[in-house]
Amino acid sequence: MKLFDFLFGKAMERRMAAYQNDLIRKHCSEVENMYRQVRGWRHDYHNHIQTMLALVDKPEQMRAYLLTLNEDLTTVDTVIKTGNVMLDAVLNSKLSLIKTKNIAVNAKAVVPEKLSISDVDLCVIIGNLLDNAMEACERQEETSERFIRVFIGVHQFTTF
């Protein structure tokens, strides 16, 4: 029996190590994606400043440019704000990573202040669900319509 326990323990250690390595790999990929986005924003920001400096003496053109920028920012702002900081971090990093893989995303999330589940457990569950959805979409041909819809909210049950 001791040999079985020993072998079983070693097998579990290997599975845990593989799982942890997979989590680290996914996390590194998400961080790398965020750095890429920040570099892109920095580049765009620099270009916008240069354009505004060129238009500083042309108020009508400057106004039109600023209105266009404002419209672009309104349509691009896909940051999810649930009110739960940990969940926001997981959702935004996962959704950002999903979009880089040419997968369309439609997401809405509202989380109450008090939950019957811990923040850590909620983040693990949501993170795994999004990873699974992304992996399923990646198995489809890129020419097909790959789509992930996320809705997180409280469902009100009615008694009969």
N, C-alpha and C. Protein backbone atom coordinates (compact mmCIF):
# COMPACT_ATOMS: atom_id res chain seq x y z
N MET A 1 0.82 -1.20 0.00
CA MET A 1 0.00 0.00 0.00
C MET A 1 0.86 1.26 0.00
N LYS A 2 2.00 1.19 0.68
CA LYS A 2 2.87 2.37 0.74
C LYS A 2 3.42 2.72 -0.63
N LEU A 3 3.75 1.68 -1.44
CA LEU A 3 4.27 1.93 -2.78
C LEU A 3 3.21 2.62 -3.64
N PHE A 4 1.97 2.17 -3.53
CA PHE A 4 0.87 2.79 -4.26
C PHE A 4 0.71 4.25 -3.86
N ASP A 5 0.71 4.52 -2.55
CA ASP A 5 0.59 5.90 -2.07
C ASP A 5 1.72 6.76 -2.58
N PHE A 6 2.93 6.20 -2.58
CA PHE A 6 4.11 6.94 -3.06
C PHE A 6 3.96 7.26 -4.54
N LEU A 7 3.61 6.24 -5.36
CA LEU A 7 3.46 6.44 -6.81
C LEU A 7 2.32 7.40 -7.12
N PHE A 8 1.21 7.24 -6.38
CA PHE A 8 0.07 8.13 -6.57
C PHE A 8 0.46 9.57 -6.23
N GLY A 9 1.19 9.74 -5.13
CA GLY A 9 1.66 11.08 -4.72
C GLY A 9 2.55 11.70 -5.78
N LYS A 10 3.45 10.91 -6.34
CA LYS A 10 4.36 11.42 -7.38
C LYS A 10 3.57 11.81 -8.64
N ALA A 11 2.58 11.00 -9.00
CA ALA A 11 1.76 11.30 -10.17
C ALA A 11 0.99 12.61 -9.94
N MET A 12 0.47 12.79 -8.75
CA MET A 12 -0.25 14.02 -8.44
C MET A 12 0.68 15.23 -8.47
N GLU A 13 1.90 15.07 -7.97
CA GLU A 13 2.88 16.15 -8.01
C GLU A 13 3.18 16.55 -9.45
N ARG A 14 3.34 15.55 -10.34
CA ARG A 14 3.60 15.84 -11.75
C ARG A 14 2.42 16.57 -12.40
N ARG A 15 1.21 16.12 -12.08
CA ARG A 15 0.02 16.78 -12.64
C ARG A 15 -0.08 18.22 -12.14
N MET A 16 0.20 18.43 -10.86
CA MET A 16 0.15 19.80 -10.30
C MET A 16 1.21 20.68 -10.93
N ALA A 17 2.42 20.14 -11.11
CA ALA A 17 3.49 20.91 -11.73
C ALA A 17 3.13 21.27 -13.16
N ALA A 18 2.55 20.34 -13.91
CA ALA A 18 2.13 20.61 -15.29
C ALA A 18 1.05 21.68 -15.31
N TYR A 19 0.09 21.59 -14.38
CA TYR A 19 -0.98 22.58 -14.29
C TYR A 19 -0.42 23.96 -13.97
N GLN A 20 0.50 24.03 -13.02
CA GLN A 20 1.10 25.31 -12.65
C GLN A 20 1.91 25.88 -13.81
N ASN A 21 2.63 25.03 -14.52
CA ASN A 21 3.39 25.51 -15.69
C ASN A 21 2.46 26.06 -16.76
N ASP A 22 1.33 25.40 -16.95
CA ASP A 22 0.35 25.88 -17.93
C ASP A 22 -0.21 27.24 -17.50
N LEU A 23 -0.51 27.40 -16.21
CA LEU A 23 -1.00 28.69 -15.71
C LEU A 23 0.04 29.79 -15.92
N ILE A 24 1.29 29.49 -15.63
CA ILE A 24 2.36 30.48 -15.80
C ILE A 24 2.50 30.85 -17.27
N ARG A 25 2.44 29.85 -18.17
CA ARG A 25 2.54 30.12 -19.61
C ARG A 25 1.41 31.04 -20.06
N LYS A 26 0.20 30.75 -19.62
CA LYS A 26 -0.95 31.58 -20.00
C LYS A 26 -0.80 33.00 -19.44
N HIS A 27 -0.36 33.10 -18.19
CA HIS A 27 -0.19 34.41 -17.58
C HIS A 27 0.86 35.22 -18.34
N CYS A 28 1.97 34.58 -18.70
CA CYS A 28 3.02 35.28 -19.45
C CYS A 28 2.49 35.77 -20.79
N SER A 29 1.68 34.96 -21.44
CA SER A 29 1.09 35.35 -22.71
C SER A 29 0.18 36.57 -22.54
N GLU A 30 -0.59 36.59 -21.46
CA GLU A 30 -1.48 37.72 -21.20
C GLU A 30 -0.69 38.99 -20.91
N VAL A 31 0.37 38.88 -20.11
CA VAL A 31 1.20 40.05 -19.79
C VAL A 31 1.88 40.56 -21.05
N GLU A 32 2.38 39.65 -21.88
CA GLU A 32 3.03 40.04 -23.13
C GLU A 32 2.04 40.80 -24.02
N ASN A 33 0.82 40.33 -24.07
CA ASN A 33 -0.22 41.00 -24.86
C ASN A 33 -0.48 42.40 -24.33
N MET A 34 -0.55 42.56 -23.00
CA MET A 34 -0.79 43.88 -22.42
C MET A 34 0.37 44.83 -22.73
N TYR A 35 1.62 44.34 -22.67
CA TYR A 35 2.76 45.18 -23.01
C TYR A 35 2.70 45.62 -24.47
N ARG A 36 2.29 44.71 -25.36
CA ARG A 36 2.15 45.06 -26.77
C ARG A 36 1.12 46.17 -26.95
N GLN A 37 0.01 46.06 -26.23
CA GLN A 37 -1.03 47.09 -26.31
C GLN A 37 -0.52 48.43 -25.82
N VAL A 38 0.18 48.44 -24.70
CA VAL A 38 0.70 49.69 -24.14
C VAL A 38 1.68 50.33 -25.11
N ARG A 39 2.55 49.53 -25.73
CA ARG A 39 3.49 50.08 -26.71
C ARG A 39 2.73 50.70 -27.89
N GLY A 40 1.66 50.03 -28.32
CA GLY A 40 0.85 50.57 -29.42
C GLY A 40 0.19 51.88 -29.03
N TRP A 41 -0.36 51.92 -27.81
CA TRP A 41 -1.00 53.16 -27.34
C TRP A 41 0.02 54.29 -27.24
N ARG A 42 1.21 53.99 -26.77
CA ARG A 42 2.25 55.01 -26.64
C ARG A 42 2.60 55.58 -28.02
N HIS A 43 2.73 54.70 -28.99
CA HIS A 43 3.03 55.12 -30.36
C HIS A 43 1.90 56.01 -30.90
N ASP A 44 0.66 55.57 -30.71
CA ASP A 44 -0.49 56.36 -31.17
C ASP A 44 -0.56 57.70 -30.47
N TYR A 45 -0.32 57.70 -29.16
CA TYR A 45 -0.35 58.93 -28.36
C TYR A 45 0.65 59.94 -28.92
N HIS A 46 1.84 59.48 -29.21
CA HIS A 46 2.88 60.35 -29.77
C HIS A 46 2.42 60.95 -31.11
N ASN A 47 1.84 60.13 -31.95
CA ASN A 47 1.35 60.62 -33.25
C ASN A 47 0.23 61.63 -33.08
N HIS A 48 -0.67 61.40 -32.13
CA HIS A 48 -1.76 62.35 -31.90
C HIS A 48 -1.23 63.70 -31.42
N ILE A 49 -0.25 63.67 -30.54
CA ILE A 49 0.35 64.92 -30.06
C ILE A 49 0.98 65.69 -31.22
N GLN A 50 1.70 64.99 -32.09
CA GLN A 50 2.33 65.64 -33.24
C GLN A 50 1.27 66.28 -34.15
N THR A 51 0.18 65.57 -34.36
CA THR A 51 -0.90 66.10 -35.19
C THR A 51 -1.53 67.33 -34.55
N MET A 52 -1.78 67.27 -33.24
CA MET A 52 -2.39 68.42 -32.55
C MET A 52 -1.45 69.62 -32.54
N LEU A 53 -0.16 69.39 -32.41
CA LEU A 53 0.79 70.51 -32.49
C LEU A 53 0.74 71.16 -33.86
N ALA A 54 0.58 70.35 -34.89
CA ALA A 54 0.49 70.90 -36.25
C ALA A 54 -0.81 71.67 -36.45
N LEU A 55 -1.86 71.31 -35.71
CA LEU A 55 -3.17 71.95 -35.88
C LEU A 55 -3.45 73.05 -34.86
N VAL A 56 -2.51 73.36 -34.01
CA VAL A 56 -2.75 74.30 -32.91
C VAL A 56 -3.20 75.68 -33.41
N ASP A 57 -2.76 76.09 -34.59
CA ASP A 57 -3.16 77.39 -35.13
C ASP A 57 -4.35 77.28 -36.08
N LYS A 58 -4.98 76.13 -36.13
CA LYS A 58 -6.14 75.89 -37.01
C LYS A 58 -7.27 75.33 -36.15
N PRO A 59 -7.97 76.22 -35.43
CA PRO A 59 -8.94 75.75 -34.43
C PRO A 59 -10.05 74.85 -34.98
N GLU A 60 -10.55 75.12 -36.18
CA GLU A 60 -11.64 74.29 -36.72
C GLU A 60 -11.15 72.89 -37.04
N GLN A 61 -9.95 72.80 -37.62
CA GLN A 61 -9.39 71.48 -37.93
C GLN A 61 -9.03 70.74 -36.64
N MET A 62 -8.53 71.48 -35.66
CA MET A 62 -8.20 70.87 -34.35
C MET A 62 -9.46 70.31 -33.72
N ARG A 63 -10.54 71.10 -33.75
CA ARG A 63 -11.81 70.65 -33.17
C ARG A 63 -12.30 69.38 -33.85
N ALA A 64 -12.25 69.35 -35.17
CA ALA A 64 -12.69 68.18 -35.93
C ALA A 64 -11.84 66.96 -35.58
N TYR A 65 -10.53 67.18 -35.46
CA TYR A 65 -9.61 66.09 -35.10
C TYR A 65 -9.92 65.56 -33.70
N LEU A 66 -10.14 66.46 -32.75
CA LEU A 66 -10.44 66.04 -31.37
C LEU A 66 -11.78 65.30 -31.30
N LEU A 67 -12.77 65.75 -32.06
CA LEU A 67 -14.06 65.06 -32.09
C LEU A 67 -13.91 63.64 -32.66
N THR A 68 -13.08 63.51 -33.69
CA THR A 68 -12.82 62.19 -34.27
C THR A 68 -12.11 61.29 -33.26
N LEU A 69 -11.12 61.83 -32.58
CA LEU A 69 -10.41 61.06 -31.55
C LEU A 69 -11.38 60.62 -30.45
N ASN A 70 -12.23 61.53 -30.02
CA ASN A 70 -13.19 61.22 -28.97
C ASN A 70 -14.14 60.09 -29.41
N GLU A 71 -14.59 60.16 -30.65
CA GLU A 71 -15.48 59.12 -31.19
C GLU A 71 -14.76 57.77 -31.24
N ASP A 72 -13.51 57.79 -31.70
CA ASP A 72 -12.72 56.56 -31.75
C ASP A 72 -12.56 55.95 -30.37
N LEU A 73 -12.24 56.78 -29.39
CA LEU A 73 -12.05 56.28 -28.02
C LEU A 73 -13.34 55.72 -27.44
N THR A 74 -14.46 56.33 -27.79
CA THR A 74 -15.75 55.85 -27.29
C THR A 74 -16.06 54.47 -27.85
N THR A 75 -15.76 54.24 -29.12
CA THR A 75 -16.06 52.95 -29.73
C THR A 75 -15.03 51.89 -29.37
N VAL A 76 -13.81 52.27 -29.05
CA VAL A 76 -12.75 51.30 -28.75
C VAL A 76 -12.74 50.91 -27.27
N ASP A 77 -13.27 51.73 -26.40
CA ASP A 77 -13.20 51.47 -24.97
C ASP A 77 -14.04 50.23 -24.61
N THR A 78 -13.36 49.11 -24.49
CA THR A 78 -14.05 47.86 -24.16
C THR A 78 -13.66 47.36 -22.78
N VAL A 79 -13.15 48.23 -21.97
CA VAL A 79 -12.73 47.82 -20.65
C VAL A 79 -13.96 47.44 -19.82
N ILE A 80 -13.90 46.27 -19.23
CA ILE A 80 -14.99 45.78 -18.39
C ILE A 80 -14.76 46.28 -16.97
N LYS A 81 -15.77 46.89 -16.38
CA LYS A 81 -15.69 47.38 -15.01
C LYS A 81 -16.86 46.79 -14.24
N THR A 82 -16.58 45.75 -13.47
CA THR A 82 -17.64 45.05 -12.74
C THR A 82 -17.85 45.60 -11.35
N GLY A 83 -16.84 46.29 -10.83
CA GLY A 83 -16.87 46.70 -9.43
C GLY A 83 -16.04 45.77 -8.56
N ASN A 84 -15.57 44.66 -9.14
CA ASN A 84 -14.70 43.72 -8.44
C ASN A 84 -13.33 43.79 -9.11
N VAL A 85 -12.36 44.37 -8.42
CA VAL A 85 -11.05 44.67 -9.02
C VAL A 85 -10.37 43.40 -9.54
N MET A 86 -10.40 42.33 -8.75
CA MET A 86 -9.75 41.09 -9.19
C MET A 86 -10.40 40.53 -10.45
N LEU A 87 -11.71 40.51 -10.47
CA LEU A 87 -12.42 39.99 -11.64
C LEU A 87 -12.18 40.88 -12.85
N ASP A 88 -12.15 42.20 -12.64
CA ASP A 88 -11.87 43.12 -13.74
C ASP A 88 -10.52 42.80 -14.38
N ALA A 89 -9.51 42.54 -13.56
CA ALA A 89 -8.18 42.24 -14.08
C ALA A 89 -8.20 40.96 -14.91
N VAL A 90 -8.85 39.92 -14.40
CA VAL A 90 -8.92 38.65 -15.13
C VAL A 90 -9.70 38.83 -16.43
N LEU A 91 -10.88 39.42 -16.34
CA LEU A 91 -11.71 39.60 -17.54
C LEU A 91 -11.00 40.41 -18.62
N ASN A 92 -10.44 41.55 -18.22
CA ASN A 92 -9.82 42.42 -19.22
C ASN A 92 -8.59 41.80 -19.85
N SER A 93 -7.78 41.10 -19.07
CA SER A 93 -6.59 40.47 -19.67
C SER A 93 -6.99 39.31 -20.57
N LYS A 94 -7.96 38.49 -20.15
CA LYS A 94 -8.40 37.36 -20.97
C LYS A 94 -9.09 37.84 -22.24
N LEU A 95 -9.98 38.82 -22.12
CA LEU A 95 -10.70 39.31 -23.29
C LEU A 95 -9.75 39.98 -24.28
N SER A 96 -8.76 40.67 -23.76
CA SER A 96 -7.76 41.30 -24.61
C SER A 96 -6.97 40.23 -25.38
N LEU A 97 -6.59 39.18 -24.69
CA LEU A 97 -5.86 38.08 -25.32
C LEU A 97 -6.72 37.40 -26.38
N ILE A 98 -7.98 37.18 -26.07
CA ILE A 98 -8.91 36.54 -27.01
C ILE A 98 -9.01 37.36 -28.30
N LYS A 99 -9.11 38.68 -28.17
CA LYS A 99 -9.24 39.55 -29.34
C LYS A 99 -8.00 39.48 -30.23
N THR A 100 -6.81 39.29 -29.63
CA THR A 100 -5.59 39.20 -30.45
C THR A 100 -5.58 37.94 -31.30
N LYS A 101 -6.44 37.00 -30.99
CA LYS A 101 -6.51 35.73 -31.74
C LYS A 101 -7.64 35.77 -32.78
N ASN A 102 -8.08 36.99 -33.11
CA ASN A 102 -9.14 37.20 -34.11
C ASN A 102 -10.43 36.47 -33.75
N ILE A 103 -10.80 36.56 -32.49
CA ILE A 103 -12.05 35.99 -32.01
C ILE A 103 -12.91 37.16 -31.54
N ALA A 104 -14.10 37.28 -32.11
CA ALA A 104 -15.01 38.37 -31.72
C ALA A 104 -15.49 38.14 -30.30
N VAL A 105 -15.66 39.24 -29.56
CA VAL A 105 -16.07 39.16 -28.16
C VAL A 105 -17.21 40.14 -27.91
N ASN A 106 -18.21 39.68 -27.19
CA ASN A 106 -19.29 40.53 -26.70
C ASN A 106 -19.37 40.23 -25.21
N ALA A 107 -19.06 41.23 -24.38
CA ALA A 107 -18.99 40.96 -22.94
C ALA A 107 -19.73 42.02 -22.13
N LYS A 108 -20.43 41.54 -21.13
CA LYS A 108 -21.09 42.42 -20.17
C LYS A 108 -21.00 41.73 -18.82
N ALA A 109 -20.59 42.47 -17.81
CA ALA A 109 -20.45 41.86 -16.49
C ALA A 109 -20.82 42.87 -15.41
N VAL A 110 -21.65 42.43 -14.48
CA VAL A 110 -22.03 43.22 -13.31
C VAL A 110 -21.96 42.27 -12.13
N VAL A 111 -21.20 42.65 -11.13
CA VAL A 111 -21.02 41.78 -9.97
C VAL A 111 -21.40 42.55 -8.71
N PRO A 112 -22.25 41.97 -7.87
CA PRO A 112 -22.60 42.65 -6.62
C PRO A 112 -21.41 42.71 -5.68
N GLU A 113 -21.48 43.65 -4.73
CA GLU A 113 -20.39 43.80 -3.75
C GLU A 113 -20.16 42.53 -2.94
N LYS A 114 -21.22 41.94 -2.45
CA LYS A 114 -21.10 40.75 -1.62
C LYS A 114 -21.49 39.53 -2.43
N LEU A 115 -20.59 38.56 -2.44
CA LEU A 115 -20.82 37.31 -3.14
C LEU A 115 -20.71 36.14 -2.17
N SER A 116 -21.34 35.03 -2.52
CA SER A 116 -21.24 33.84 -1.67
C SER A 116 -20.04 32.99 -2.07
N ILE A 117 -19.23 33.48 -3.01
CA ILE A 117 -18.03 32.79 -3.46
C ILE A 117 -16.85 33.74 -3.25
N SER A 118 -15.68 33.20 -2.96
CA SER A 118 -14.52 34.07 -2.75
C SER A 118 -14.07 34.68 -4.08
N ASP A 119 -13.43 35.83 -4.01
CA ASP A 119 -12.91 36.49 -5.22
C ASP A 119 -11.95 35.58 -5.96
N VAL A 120 -11.11 34.87 -5.22
CA VAL A 120 -10.12 33.99 -5.84
C VAL A 120 -10.83 32.87 -6.61
N ASP A 121 -11.82 32.23 -5.98
CA ASP A 121 -12.56 31.15 -6.65
C ASP A 121 -13.29 31.68 -7.88
N LEU A 122 -13.90 32.85 -7.76
CA LEU A 122 -14.60 33.45 -8.90
C LEU A 122 -13.64 33.68 -10.06
N CYS A 123 -12.46 34.21 -9.76
CA CYS A 123 -11.48 34.49 -10.81
C CYS A 123 -10.96 33.20 -11.46
N VAL A 124 -10.77 32.17 -10.66
CA VAL A 124 -10.32 30.88 -11.21
C VAL A 124 -11.38 30.32 -12.15
N ILE A 125 -12.63 30.35 -11.72
CA ILE A 125 -13.72 29.81 -12.53
C ILE A 125 -13.86 30.59 -13.84
N ILE A 126 -13.91 31.92 -13.74
CA ILE A 126 -14.08 32.75 -14.95
C ILE A 126 -12.86 32.61 -15.86
N GLY A 127 -11.68 32.62 -15.27
CA GLY A 127 -10.45 32.45 -16.07
C GLY A 127 -10.45 31.14 -16.82
N ASN A 128 -10.82 30.05 -16.15
CA ASN A 128 -10.87 28.73 -16.81
C ASN A 128 -11.93 28.69 -17.90
N LEU A 129 -13.10 29.27 -17.62
CA LEU A 129 -14.16 29.30 -18.64
C LEU A 129 -13.70 30.04 -19.89
N LEU A 130 -13.05 31.19 -19.70
CA LEU A 130 -12.58 31.96 -20.85
C LEU A 130 -11.45 31.24 -21.59
N ASP A 131 -10.55 30.59 -20.84
CA ASP A 131 -9.49 29.80 -21.49
C ASP A 131 -10.09 28.69 -22.34
N ASN A 132 -11.08 27.99 -21.78
CA ASN A 132 -11.73 26.90 -22.51
C ASN A 132 -12.44 27.42 -23.76
N ALA A 133 -13.14 28.55 -23.63
CA ALA A 133 -13.85 29.12 -24.77
C ALA A 133 -12.85 29.55 -25.86
N MET A 134 -11.75 30.16 -25.44
CA MET A 134 -10.73 30.60 -26.40
C MET A 134 -10.13 29.39 -27.12
N GLU A 135 -9.81 28.35 -26.36
CA GLU A 135 -9.21 27.16 -26.97
C GLU A 135 -10.18 26.50 -27.94
N ALA A 136 -11.47 26.48 -27.61
CA ALA A 136 -12.47 25.90 -28.51
C ALA A 136 -12.55 26.72 -29.81
N CYS A 137 -12.53 28.04 -29.68
CA CYS A 137 -12.57 28.90 -30.87
C CYS A 137 -11.31 28.73 -31.72
N GLU A 138 -10.17 28.56 -31.07
CA GLU A 138 -8.93 28.40 -31.81
C GLU A 138 -8.92 27.12 -32.63
N ARG A 139 -9.69 26.12 -32.21
CA ARG A 139 -9.76 24.86 -32.96
C ARG A 139 -10.60 25.01 -34.23
N GLN A 140 -11.40 26.08 -34.30
CA GLN A 140 -12.18 26.34 -35.51
C GLN A 140 -11.29 27.04 -36.53
N GLU A 141 -11.65 26.88 -37.80
CA GLU A 141 -10.91 27.59 -38.83
C GLU A 141 -11.08 29.08 -38.65
N GLU A 142 -10.02 29.83 -38.94
CA GLU A 142 -10.10 31.28 -38.75
C GLU A 142 -11.09 31.92 -39.70
N THR A 143 -11.40 31.26 -40.78
CA THR A 143 -12.36 31.82 -41.73
C THR A 143 -13.79 31.71 -41.21
N SER A 144 -14.03 30.77 -40.28
CA SER A 144 -15.38 30.66 -39.73
C SER A 144 -15.61 31.77 -38.72
N GLU A 145 -16.87 31.98 -38.37
CA GLU A 145 -17.18 33.03 -37.41
C GLU A 145 -16.90 32.52 -36.00
N ARG A 146 -15.81 33.00 -35.43
CA ARG A 146 -15.43 32.62 -34.08
C ARG A 146 -15.91 33.72 -33.14
N PHE A 147 -16.64 33.34 -32.11
CA PHE A 147 -17.32 34.33 -31.29
C PHE A 147 -17.44 33.84 -29.85
N ILE A 148 -17.20 34.74 -28.92
CA ILE A 148 -17.40 34.43 -27.50
C ILE A 148 -18.27 35.52 -26.91
N ARG A 149 -19.35 35.10 -26.25
CA ARG A 149 -20.23 36.04 -25.56
C ARG A 149 -20.10 35.75 -24.06
N VAL A 150 -19.89 36.81 -23.30
CA VAL A 150 -19.75 36.69 -21.85
C VAL A 150 -20.83 37.54 -21.20
N PHE A 151 -21.62 36.94 -20.34
CA PHE A 151 -22.57 37.71 -19.53
C PHE A 151 -22.44 37.21 -18.11
N ILE A 152 -22.09 38.12 -17.23
CA ILE A 152 -21.99 37.78 -15.80
C ILE A 152 -22.92 38.71 -15.05
N GLY A 153 -23.81 38.14 -14.30
CA GLY A 153 -24.77 38.92 -13.55
C GLY A 153 -25.46 38.05 -12.51
N VAL A 154 -26.36 38.63 -11.80
CA VAL A 154 -27.12 37.90 -10.77
C VAL A 154 -28.46 37.53 -11.37
N HIS A 155 -28.80 36.28 -11.29
CA HIS A 155 -30.09 35.80 -11.78
C HIS A 155 -31.05 35.75 -10.62
N GLN A 156 -32.18 36.41 -10.77
CA GLN A 156 -33.19 36.43 -9.72
C GLN A 156 -34.11 35.23 -9.89
N PHE A 157 -34.16 34.40 -8.88
CA PHE A 157 -35.06 33.24 -8.91
C PHE A 157 -36.41 33.62 -8.32
N THR A 158 -37.45 33.12 -8.91
CA THR A 158 -38.78 33.36 -8.37
C THR A 158 -39.32 32.04 -7.81
N THR A 159 -40.01 32.13 -6.73
CA THR A 159 -40.63 30.91 -6.17
C THR A 159 -42.04 30.81 -6.68
N PHE A 160 -42.46 29.60 -6.86
CA PHE A 160 -43.82 29.36 -7.39
C PHE A 160 -44.73 28.90 -6.30
